[in-house]
Amino acid sequence: MVDKMSFKKTYLIVVLSLSVFMLGGCATKVDKLTQLQQNQLQLQQQAELKKAEVDEAMKKAQKYDKLTDKYENLVQKQIGVVNDLKKTHDEISATNAKEAVVVKKKLIEATKNSVKLQKKLKRYSQKAKLNIEKAQELEKEVQVTEETAKSTEKQIVEIEEEIKQEQQVKVESNDN
């Protein structure tokens, strides 16, 4: 997970650095404006995709949380069954050997079922935790992407204002 995150962050930094470098090399403000608008559109699309990934991760986390709750209840019930069978076995083992063997088999089977349920519970709770962590990481990425988009929007507005001012100056100089 950490390697994927560092790769994604590095990729985002490289893309943004290249974009800034390309913008610096643009000959005119209109070229810069066009490039910034394209970058902003890409950033907005990335943010939307990541938001969809966040939603999906949260849905999975909720699904696994429900399964975790279900299996917690099942484990508790199974532990109750095991305890009851232990009690029953202890009570009849001294008086009735045949019944004690039958109860012992049931006890062994109930214990195996309990272990299986506990393994599923552990697996589902881990999956829920992983999906929550994934959603949180994606939320951070969305935030960074949105902040970058806002910064790009500010640059676009600045360049548009500069272009308008230059056009006004040209119009005024042509009028004179």
Protein backbone atom coordinates (compact mmCIF):
# COMPACT_ATOMS: atom_id res chain seq x y z
CA MET A 1 0.00 0.00 0.00
CA VAL A 2 2.78 2.40 0.90
CA ASP A 3 4.57 1.71 -2.39
CA LYS A 4 1.41 2.43 -4.39
CA MET A 5 0.82 5.64 -2.47
CA SER A 6 4.38 6.87 -2.93
CA PHE A 7 4.21 5.98 -6.63
CA LYS A 8 0.93 7.87 -7.04
CA LYS A 9 2.28 10.90 -5.20
CA THR A 10 5.50 10.83 -7.22
CA TYR A 11 3.49 10.49 -10.44
CA LEU A 12 1.30 13.45 -9.50
CA ILE A 13 4.35 15.56 -8.65
CA VAL A 14 6.05 14.64 -11.94
CA VAL A 15 2.93 15.45 -13.96
CA LEU A 16 2.50 18.78 -12.21
CA SER A 17 6.19 19.62 -12.58
CA LEU A 18 6.09 18.83 -16.28
CA SER A 19 2.97 20.92 -16.65
CA VAL A 20 4.63 23.87 -14.93
CA PHE A 21 7.75 23.42 -17.07
CA MET A 22 5.67 23.28 -20.24
CA LEU A 23 3.74 26.34 -19.16
CA GLY A 24 6.98 28.22 -18.59
CA GLY A 25 8.06 27.35 -22.11
CA CYS A 26 4.84 28.57 -23.73
CA ALA A 27 5.33 31.53 -26.00
CA THR A 28 2.14 33.39 -25.29
CA LYS A 29 -0.32 33.91 -22.49
CA VAL A 30 -3.04 32.36 -24.62
CA ASP A 31 -0.99 29.18 -24.89
CA LYS A 32 -0.48 29.21 -21.15
CA LEU A 33 -4.18 29.77 -20.62
CA THR A 34 -5.10 26.87 -22.90
CA GLN A 35 -2.62 24.57 -21.20
CA LEU A 36 -3.84 25.56 -17.74
CA GLN A 37 -7.45 24.98 -18.74
CA GLN A 38 -6.56 21.50 -20.03
CA ASN A 39 -4.66 20.74 -16.83
CA GLN A 40 -7.56 21.94 -14.73
CA LEU A 41 -9.99 19.73 -16.65
CA GLN A 42 -7.70 16.73 -16.11
CA LEU A 43 -7.42 17.51 -12.41
CA GLN A 44 -11.19 17.78 -12.08
CA GLN A 45 -11.63 14.46 -13.86
CA GLN A 46 -9.04 12.85 -11.58
CA ALA A 47 -10.82 14.23 -8.53
CA GLU A 48 -14.14 12.82 -9.73
CA LEU A 49 -12.60 9.40 -10.37
CA LYS A 50 -11.01 9.38 -6.94
CA LYS A 51 -14.30 10.41 -5.33
CA ALA A 52 -15.94 7.43 -7.03
CA GLU A 53 -13.15 5.20 -5.68
CA VAL A 54 -13.72 6.64 -2.20
CA ASP A 55 -17.42 5.86 -2.45
CA GLU A 56 -16.68 2.31 -3.58
CA ALA A 57 -14.19 1.75 -0.76
CA MET A 58 -16.68 3.08 1.79
CA LYS A 59 -19.41 0.80 0.42
CA LYS A 60 -17.09 -2.18 0.76
CA ALA A 61 -16.12 -1.10 4.27
CA GLN A 62 -19.80 -0.87 5.24
CA LYS A 63 -20.47 -4.28 3.72
CA TYR A 64 -17.63 -5.83 5.70
CA ASP A 65 -18.71 -3.98 8.85
CA LYS A 66 -22.14 -5.58 8.52
CA LEU A 67 -20.56 -8.99 8.01
CA THR A 68 -18.31 -8.38 11.01
CA ASP A 69 -21.34 -7.58 13.17
CA LYS A 70 -23.15 -10.67 11.88
CA TYR A 71 -20.20 -12.93 12.61
CA GLU A 72 -19.61 -11.40 16.03
CA ASN A 73 -23.16 -12.43 16.91
CA LEU A 74 -22.69 -15.89 15.41
CA VAL A 75 -19.42 -16.39 17.32
CA GLN A 76 -21.10 -15.38 20.58
CA LYS A 77 -23.95 -17.82 19.96
CA GLN A 78 -21.51 -20.58 19.05
CA ILE A 79 -19.48 -19.94 22.21
CA GLY A 80 -22.72 -20.27 24.18
CA VAL A 81 -23.42 -23.60 22.45
CA VAL A 82 -19.89 -24.82 23.22
CA ASN A 83 -20.22 -23.81 26.87
CA ASP A 84 -23.60 -25.54 27.14
CA LEU A 85 -22.17 -28.71 25.59
CA LYS A 86 -19.20 -28.60 27.97
CA LYS A 87 -21.58 -28.35 30.91
CA THR A 88 -23.72 -31.17 29.59
CA HIS A 89 -20.66 -33.33 28.95
CA ASP A 90 -19.31 -32.70 32.42
CA GLU A 91 -22.66 -33.59 33.97
CA ILE A 92 -23.21 -36.86 32.08
CA SER A 93 -19.65 -38.09 31.69
CA ALA A 94 -19.72 -39.67 35.16
CA THR A 95 -23.13 -41.33 34.77
CA ASN A 96 -23.60 -42.25 31.10
CA ALA A 97 -20.54 -43.02 28.99
CA LYS A 98 -22.42 -43.54 25.70
CA GLU A 99 -24.24 -40.21 25.93
CA ALA A 100 -21.00 -38.55 27.01
CA VAL A 101 -19.32 -39.76 23.78
CA VAL A 102 -22.18 -38.36 21.67
CA VAL A 103 -22.05 -35.04 23.51
CA LYS A 104 -18.25 -35.00 23.17
CA LYS A 105 -18.57 -35.39 19.37
CA LYS A 106 -21.09 -32.54 19.29
CA LEU A 107 -18.75 -30.47 21.44
CA ILE A 108 -15.84 -31.09 19.07
CA GLU A 109 -17.98 -30.16 16.06
CA ALA A 110 -19.27 -27.01 17.78
CA THR A 111 -15.71 -26.02 18.66
CA LYS A 112 -14.62 -26.48 15.02
CA ASN A 113 -17.55 -24.34 13.88
CA SER A 114 -16.61 -21.70 16.43
CA VAL A 115 -13.04 -21.58 15.09
CA LYS A 116 -14.31 -21.26 11.50
CA LEU A 117 -16.63 -18.43 12.48
CA GLN A 118 -13.82 -16.65 14.35
CA LYS A 119 -11.57 -16.88 11.28
CA LYS A 120 -14.28 -15.38 9.09
CA LEU A 121 -14.88 -12.67 11.67
CA LYS A 122 -11.19 -11.80 11.68
CA ARG A 123 -11.01 -11.77 7.88
CA TYR A 124 -14.07 -9.51 7.51
CA SER A 125 -12.92 -7.08 10.19
CA GLN A 126 -9.51 -6.82 8.47
CA LYS A 127 -11.15 -6.18 5.11
CA ALA A 128 -13.35 -3.49 6.66
CA LYS A 129 -10.31 -1.84 8.21
CA LEU A 130 -8.34 -1.97 4.94
CA ASN A 131 -11.19 -0.42 2.99
CA ILE A 132 -11.57 2.36 5.53
CA GLU A 133 -7.83 3.08 5.29
CA LYS A 134 -8.03 3.03 1.50
CA ALA A 135 -10.94 5.48 1.57
CA GLN A 136 -9.02 7.81 3.88
CA GLU A 137 -5.95 7.72 1.62
CA LEU A 138 -8.10 8.43 -1.42
CA GLU A 139 -9.79 11.31 0.42
CA LYS A 140 -6.37 12.86 0.97
CA GLU A 141 -5.56 12.43 -2.73
CA VAL A 142 -8.87 14.06 -3.67
CA GLN A 143 -8.11 16.97 -1.38
CA VAL A 144 -4.64 17.47 -2.92
CA THR A 145 -6.09 17.24 -6.42
CA GLU A 146 -8.85 19.74 -5.62
CA GLU A 147 -6.35 22.15 -4.07
CA THR A 148 -4.22 21.89 -7.19
CA ALA A 149 -7.30 22.54 -9.34
CA LYS A 150 -8.12 25.65 -7.27
CA SER A 151 -4.56 26.89 -7.69
CA THR A 152 -4.82 26.30 -11.41
CA GLU A 153 -8.13 28.19 -11.47
CA LYS A 154 -6.45 31.15 -9.80
CA GLN A 155 -3.70 31.10 -12.43
CA ILE A 156 -6.32 30.95 -15.19
CA VAL A 157 -8.15 33.97 -13.77
CA GLU A 158 -4.87 35.90 -13.47
CA ILE A 159 -3.90 35.18 -17.06
CA GLU A 160 -7.39 36.04 -18.32
CA GLU A 161 -7.17 39.37 -16.48
CA GLU A 162 -3.74 40.04 -17.99
CA ILE A 163 -5.08 39.26 -21.47
CA LYS A 164 -8.06 41.57 -20.93
CA GLN A 165 -5.75 44.35 -19.75
CA GLU A 166 -3.48 43.90 -22.77
CA GLN A 167 -6.50 44.00 -25.07
CA GLN A 168 -7.73 47.19 -23.42
CA VAL A 169 -4.33 48.77 -23.84
CA LYS A 170 -4.30 47.79 -27.52
CA VAL A 171 -7.83 49.17 -28.00
CA GLU A 172 -6.90 52.42 -26.26
CA SER A 173 -3.71 52.78 -28.29
CA ASN A 174 -5.63 52.15 -31.52
CA ASP A 175 -8.20 54.78 -30.54
CA ASN A 176 -5.45 57.39 -30.14
